């Protein structure tokens, strides 16, 4: 899976990049068709806004947002939201009933 980490009005240090890549790298565990995860961190005054866009095969991209004063906590919350979305999507695909 390809992971892109970018910053707006914020310098992405190697520590932040590594942390975000480690967290986002676990997403294929929840849905194996995940191909690309884009993480966009933005600093607005004294808060951070983080957005993740996950591109998967045969589905629209999934999007999650998080805001807070701690960038690392925002990344954790963001990945948690994305895990839930991917798990729900996988369950929906798996439990689909086909007419016979």
C-alpha atoms as a PDB file:
ATOM      1  CA  UNK A   1       0.000   0.000   0.000  1.00  0.00           C
ATOM      2  CA  UNK A   2       1.236   3.463  -0.865  1.00  0.00           C
ATOM      3  CA  UNK A   3       1.083   6.108   1.896  1.00  0.00           C
ATOM      4  CA  UNK A   4       1.415   9.832   1.191  1.00  0.00           C
ATOM      5  CA  UNK A   5       1.861  12.306   4.063  1.00  0.00           C
ATOM      6  CA  UNK A   6       1.658  16.020   3.276  1.00  0.00           C
ATOM      7  CA  UNK A   7       1.395  19.192   5.318  1.00  0.00           C
ATOM      8  CA  UNK A   8      -0.293  22.536   4.789  1.00  0.00           C
ATOM      9  CA  UNK A   9       1.217  25.395   6.764  1.00  0.00           C
ATOM     10  CA  UNK A  10       3.096  22.708   8.652  1.00  0.00           C
ATOM     11  CA  UNK A  11       6.443  21.026   8.178  1.00  0.00           C
ATOM     12  CA  UNK A  12       6.154  17.244   8.226  1.00  0.00           C
ATOM     13  CA  UNK A  13       9.125  15.985  10.205  1.00  0.00           C
ATOM     14  CA  UNK A  14      10.552  12.502   9.777  1.00  0.00           C
ATOM     15  CA  UNK A  15       9.062  11.487  13.161  1.00  0.00           C
ATOM     16  CA  UNK A  16       5.552  12.592  12.142  1.00  0.00           C
ATOM     17  CA  UNK A  17       5.878  10.903   8.742  1.00  0.00           C
ATOM     18  CA  UNK A  18       7.088   7.646  10.291  1.00  0.00           C
ATOM     19  CA  UNK A  19       4.325   7.662  12.933  1.00  0.00           C
ATOM     20  CA  UNK A  20       1.598   8.308  10.337  1.00  0.00           C
ATOM     21  CA  UNK A  21       2.980   5.650   7.980  1.00  0.00           C
ATOM     22  CA  UNK A  22       3.145   3.064  10.770  1.00  0.00           C
ATOM     23  CA  UNK A  23      -0.456   3.744  11.800  1.00  0.00           C
ATOM     24  CA  UNK A  24      -1.832   3.879   8.250  1.00  0.00           C
ATOM     25  CA  UNK A  25       0.167   0.805   7.265  1.00  0.00           C
ATOM     26  CA  UNK A  26      -2.214  -1.300   9.368  1.00  0.00           C
ATOM     27  CA  UNK A  27      -5.267  -0.412   7.249  1.00  0.00           C
ATOM     28  CA  UNK A  28      -4.932  -3.339   4.783  1.00  0.00           C
ATOM     29  CA  UNK A  29      -5.481  -5.603   7.785  1.00  0.00           C
ATOM     30  CA  UNK A  30      -9.083  -4.340   7.876  1.00  0.00           C
ATOM     31  CA  UNK A  31      -9.723  -4.267   4.115  1.00  0.00           C
ATOM     32  CA  UNK A  32      -7.164  -5.820   1.817  1.00  0.00           C
ATOM     33  CA  UNK A  33      -8.164  -3.845  -1.296  1.00  0.00           C
ATOM     34  CA  UNK A  34      -6.782  -0.605   0.156  1.00  0.00           C
ATOM     35  CA  UNK A  35      -4.269   0.750  -2.366  1.00  0.00           C
ATOM     36  CA  UNK A  36      -3.380   4.360  -1.420  1.00  0.00           C
ATOM     37  CA  UNK A  37      -3.769   6.336   1.810  1.00  0.00           C
ATOM     38  CA  UNK A  38      -3.275  10.101   1.694  1.00  0.00           C
ATOM     39  CA  UNK A  39      -2.807  11.909   5.003  1.00  0.00           C
ATOM     40  CA  UNK A  40      -3.040  15.699   4.922  1.00  0.00           C
ATOM     41  CA  UNK A  41      -2.117  17.591   8.101  1.00  0.00           C
ATOM     42  CA  UNK A  42      -2.898  21.276   8.429  1.00  0.00           C
ATOM     43  CA  UNK A  43      -2.157  23.783  11.170  1.00  0.00           C
ATOM     44  CA  UNK A  44      -4.906  26.320  11.811  1.00  0.00           C
ATOM     45  CA  UNK A  45      -3.977  28.790  14.534  1.00  0.00           C
ATOM     46  CA  UNK A  46      -3.296  26.606  17.582  1.00  0.00           C
ATOM     47  CA  UNK A  47      -5.066  23.450  16.340  1.00  0.00           C
ATOM     48  CA  UNK A  48      -4.281  20.688  13.906  1.00  0.00           C
ATOM     49  CA  UNK A  49      -6.717  19.399  11.293  1.00  0.00           C
ATOM     50  CA  UNK A  50      -5.883  16.029   9.788  1.00  0.00           C
ATOM     51  CA  UNK A  51      -7.653  14.352   6.886  1.00  0.00           C
ATOM     52  CA  UNK A  52      -7.183  10.871   5.462  1.00  0.00           C
ATOM     53  CA  UNK A  53      -8.362   9.715   2.061  1.00  0.00           C
ATOM     54  CA  UNK A  54      -8.171   5.962   1.451  1.00  0.00           C
ATOM     55  CA  UNK A  55      -8.442   4.766  -2.134  1.00  0.00           C
ATOM     56  CA  UNK A  56      -9.714   1.200  -2.481  1.00  0.00           C
ATOM     57  CA  UNK A  57     -10.487  -1.015  -5.456  1.00  0.00           C
ATOM     58  CA  UNK A  58     -14.045  -0.967  -6.803  1.00  0.00           C
ATOM     59  CA  UNK A  59     -15.357   1.655  -4.355  1.00  0.00           C
ATOM     60  CA  UNK A  60     -15.401   5.395  -3.822  1.00  0.00           C
ATOM     61  CA  UNK A  61     -12.590   6.801  -1.673  1.00  0.00           C
ATOM     62  CA  UNK A  62     -13.164   6.787   2.083  1.00  0.00           C
ATOM     63  CA  UNK A  63     -12.548  10.054   3.954  1.00  0.00           C
ATOM     64  CA  UNK A  64     -11.980  10.722   7.656  1.00  0.00           C
ATOM     65  CA  UNK A  65     -11.274  13.973   9.550  1.00  0.00           C
ATOM     66  CA  UNK A  66      -9.889  14.789  12.984  1.00  0.00           C
ATOM     67  CA  UNK A  67      -9.167  18.041  14.864  1.00  0.00           C
ATOM     68  CA  UNK A  68      -7.228  18.684  18.029  1.00  0.00           C
ATOM     69  CA  UNK A  69      -4.280  20.271  19.783  1.00  0.00           C
ATOM     70  CA  UNK A  70      -2.065  17.164  19.613  1.00  0.00           C
ATOM     71  CA  UNK A  71      -1.076  16.027  16.115  1.00  0.00           C
ATOM     72  CA  UNK A  72      -0.278  12.463  17.197  1.00  0.00           C
ATOM     73  CA  UNK A  73      -3.663  12.093  18.934  1.00  0.00           C
ATOM     74  CA  UNK A  74      -5.352  13.383  15.768  1.00  0.00           C
ATOM     75  CA  UNK A  75      -3.560  10.755  13.697  1.00  0.00           C
ATOM     76  CA  UNK A  76      -4.663   8.033  16.138  1.00  0.00           C
ATOM     77  CA  UNK A  77      -8.290   9.223  15.988  1.00  0.00           C
ATOM     78  CA  UNK A  78      -8.129   9.458  12.205  1.00  0.00           C
ATOM     79  CA  UNK A  79      -6.842   5.916  11.753  1.00  0.00           C
ATOM     80  CA  UNK A  80      -9.468   4.627  14.184  1.00  0.00           C
ATOM     81  CA  UNK A  81     -12.246   6.264  12.143  1.00  0.00           C
ATOM     82  CA  UNK A  82     -10.821   4.860   8.921  1.00  0.00           C
ATOM     83  CA  UNK A  83     -10.567   1.355  10.431  1.00  0.00           C
ATOM     84  CA  UNK A  84     -14.263   1.517  11.313  1.00  0.00           C
ATOM     85  CA  UNK A  85     -15.243   2.674   7.816  1.00  0.00           C
ATOM     86  CA  UNK A  86     -13.207  -0.045   6.121  1.00  0.00           C
ATOM     87  CA  UNK A  87     -14.518  -2.744   8.476  1.00  0.00           C
ATOM     88  CA  UNK A  88     -18.116  -1.651   7.873  1.00  0.00           C
ATOM     89  CA  UNK A  89     -17.552  -1.693   4.117  1.00  0.00           C
ATOM     90  CA  UNK A  90     -16.012  -5.157   4.264  1.00  0.00           C
ATOM     91  CA  UNK A  91     -18.928  -6.455   6.366  1.00  0.00           C
ATOM     92  CA  UNK A  92     -21.380  -4.946   3.901  1.00  0.00           C
ATOM     93  CA  UNK A  93     -19.678  -6.709   0.994  1.00  0.00           C
ATOM     94  CA  UNK A  94     -19.392  -9.995   2.842  1.00  0.00           C
ATOM     95  CA  UNK A  95     -23.003 -10.074   4.067  1.00  0.00           C
ATOM     96  CA  UNK A  96     -24.594  -9.114   0.759  1.00  0.00           C
ATOM     97  CA  UNK A  97     -27.264 -11.625  -0.218  1.00  0.00           C
ATOM     98  CA  UNK A  98     -27.392 -12.629  -3.850  1.00  0.00           C
ATOM     99  CA  UNK A  99     -30.787 -13.528  -5.311  1.00  0.00           C
ATOM    100  CA  UNK A 100     -30.978 -17.020  -6.720  1.00  0.00           C
END
